[in-house]
Amino acid sequence: MNLQAMMKQAQKLQKDMMKSKEEIDEMEFIGKSSFVTVTVKGTKEIVSVKIDTDSIESDEIEMLEDMILVATNEATKQVDKMTEEKMGKYTQGMPGLF
């Protein structure tokens, strides 16, 4: 394979990688913990936090804070998993590139 063909293939690979990353960035991931639901974009930007107020009493604020933390972490782990699934074919198992 000549250098020009290799460069063309590398450019296509880069374009495909960017398209996959853009698709992930636009997706939404939902993390749940009891009566807390957190929605996160593929960019790890928190879109919304929903609390089922019928299920909580005023003295449970500390527990609510912990549930928000758990739900948020779950949603961001889903982003990481999807990124690895879609981008892993490009990085061939080299973690930390995206």
Protein backbone atom coordinates (compact mmCIF):
# COMPACT_ATOMS: atom_id res chain seq x y z
CA MET A 1 0.00 0.00 0.00
CA ASN A 2 1.46 3.36 -0.97
CA LEU A 3 1.69 6.42 1.27
CA GLN A 4 -1.12 8.26 -0.51
CA ALA A 5 -3.53 5.35 -0.02
CA MET A 6 -2.54 5.11 3.65
CA MET A 7 -3.20 8.83 4.15
CA LYS A 8 -6.58 8.54 2.47
CA GLN A 9 -7.47 5.58 4.70
CA ALA A 10 -6.32 7.50 7.80
CA GLN A 11 -8.49 10.48 6.81
CA LYS A 12 -11.52 8.22 6.36
CA LEU A 13 -10.87 6.61 9.73
CA GLN A 14 -10.62 10.03 11.37
CA LYS A 15 -13.88 11.14 9.73
CA ASP A 16 -15.64 7.94 10.88
CA MET A 17 -14.33 8.43 14.43
CA MET A 18 -15.60 12.00 14.57
CA LYS A 19 -19.01 10.95 13.25
CA SER A 20 -19.28 8.26 15.94
CA LYS A 21 -18.24 10.72 18.64
CA GLU A 22 -20.83 13.24 17.44
CA GLU A 23 -23.52 10.54 17.57
CA ILE A 24 -22.60 9.72 21.17
CA ASP A 25 -22.52 13.40 22.13
CA GLU A 26 -26.13 13.80 20.94
CA MET A 27 -27.44 10.73 22.78
CA GLU A 28 -29.06 10.91 26.22
CA PHE A 29 -28.38 8.43 29.02
CA ILE A 30 -30.61 7.91 32.04
CA GLY A 31 -29.39 6.95 35.50
CA LYS A 32 -31.84 5.94 38.22
CA SER A 33 -31.52 5.50 41.95
CA SER A 34 -34.77 4.79 43.85
CA PHE A 35 -36.83 7.96 43.32
CA VAL A 36 -34.15 10.02 41.55
CA THR A 37 -33.66 10.05 37.77
CA VAL A 38 -30.76 11.89 36.12
CA THR A 39 -30.48 12.42 32.36
CA VAL A 40 -27.01 13.08 30.92
CA LYS A 41 -25.93 13.89 27.35
CA GLY A 42 -23.09 12.01 25.72
CA THR A 43 -20.91 15.00 26.53
CA LYS A 44 -21.58 14.20 30.21
CA GLU A 45 -23.62 17.38 30.57
CA ILE A 46 -26.48 16.86 33.02
CA VAL A 47 -29.72 17.59 31.18
CA SER A 48 -32.22 17.02 33.98
CA VAL A 49 -32.71 15.74 37.51
CA LYS A 50 -36.15 14.40 38.40
CA ILE A 51 -37.21 13.62 41.96
CA ASP A 52 -40.37 11.70 42.81
CA THR A 53 -41.41 14.03 45.64
CA ASP A 54 -44.28 11.75 46.65
CA SER A 55 -41.69 9.26 47.86
CA ILE A 56 -39.55 11.54 50.03
CA GLU A 57 -39.95 13.25 53.37
CA SER A 58 -38.16 16.44 54.39
CA ASP A 59 -35.79 14.65 56.80
CA GLU A 60 -34.37 12.48 53.98
CA ILE A 61 -32.35 15.21 52.24
CA GLU A 62 -28.96 13.57 52.88
CA MET A 63 -30.23 10.30 51.44
CA LEU A 64 -31.61 12.23 48.45
CA GLU A 65 -28.20 13.80 47.84
CA ASP A 66 -26.61 10.34 47.83
CA MET A 67 -29.22 9.06 45.37
CA ILE A 68 -28.55 11.98 43.01
CA LEU A 69 -24.86 11.16 43.18
CA VAL A 70 -25.50 7.46 42.43
CA ALA A 71 -27.90 8.22 39.56
CA THR A 72 -25.50 10.75 38.02
CA ASN A 73 -22.57 8.35 38.21
CA GLU A 74 -24.68 5.59 36.64
CA ALA A 75 -25.63 7.82 33.72
CA THR A 76 -22.03 8.91 33.10
CA LYS A 77 -20.88 5.28 33.21
CA GLN A 78 -23.39 4.59 30.45
CA VAL A 79 -21.77 7.38 28.40
CA ASP A 80 -18.34 5.80 28.97
CA LYS A 81 -19.66 2.36 27.99
CA MET A 82 -21.27 3.62 24.79
CA THR A 83 -18.13 5.57 23.92
CA GLU A 84 -16.01 2.45 24.38
CA GLU A 85 -18.44 0.36 22.31
CA LYS A 86 -18.55 2.81 19.42
CA MET A 87 -15.01 4.14 19.56
CA GLY A 88 -13.21 0.97 20.65
CA LYS A 89 -12.96 -0.23 17.07
CA TYR A 90 -10.86 2.83 16.32
CA THR A 91 -8.71 2.84 19.45
CA GLN A 92 -8.22 -0.95 19.52
CA GLY A 93 -8.41 -1.16 23.29
CA MET A 94 -6.28 1.90 24.07
CA PRO A 95 -8.24 3.47 26.94
CA GLY A 96 -8.46 7.18 27.56
CA LEU A 97 -8.52 8.48 24.00
CA PHE A 98 -12.13 9.71 24.26
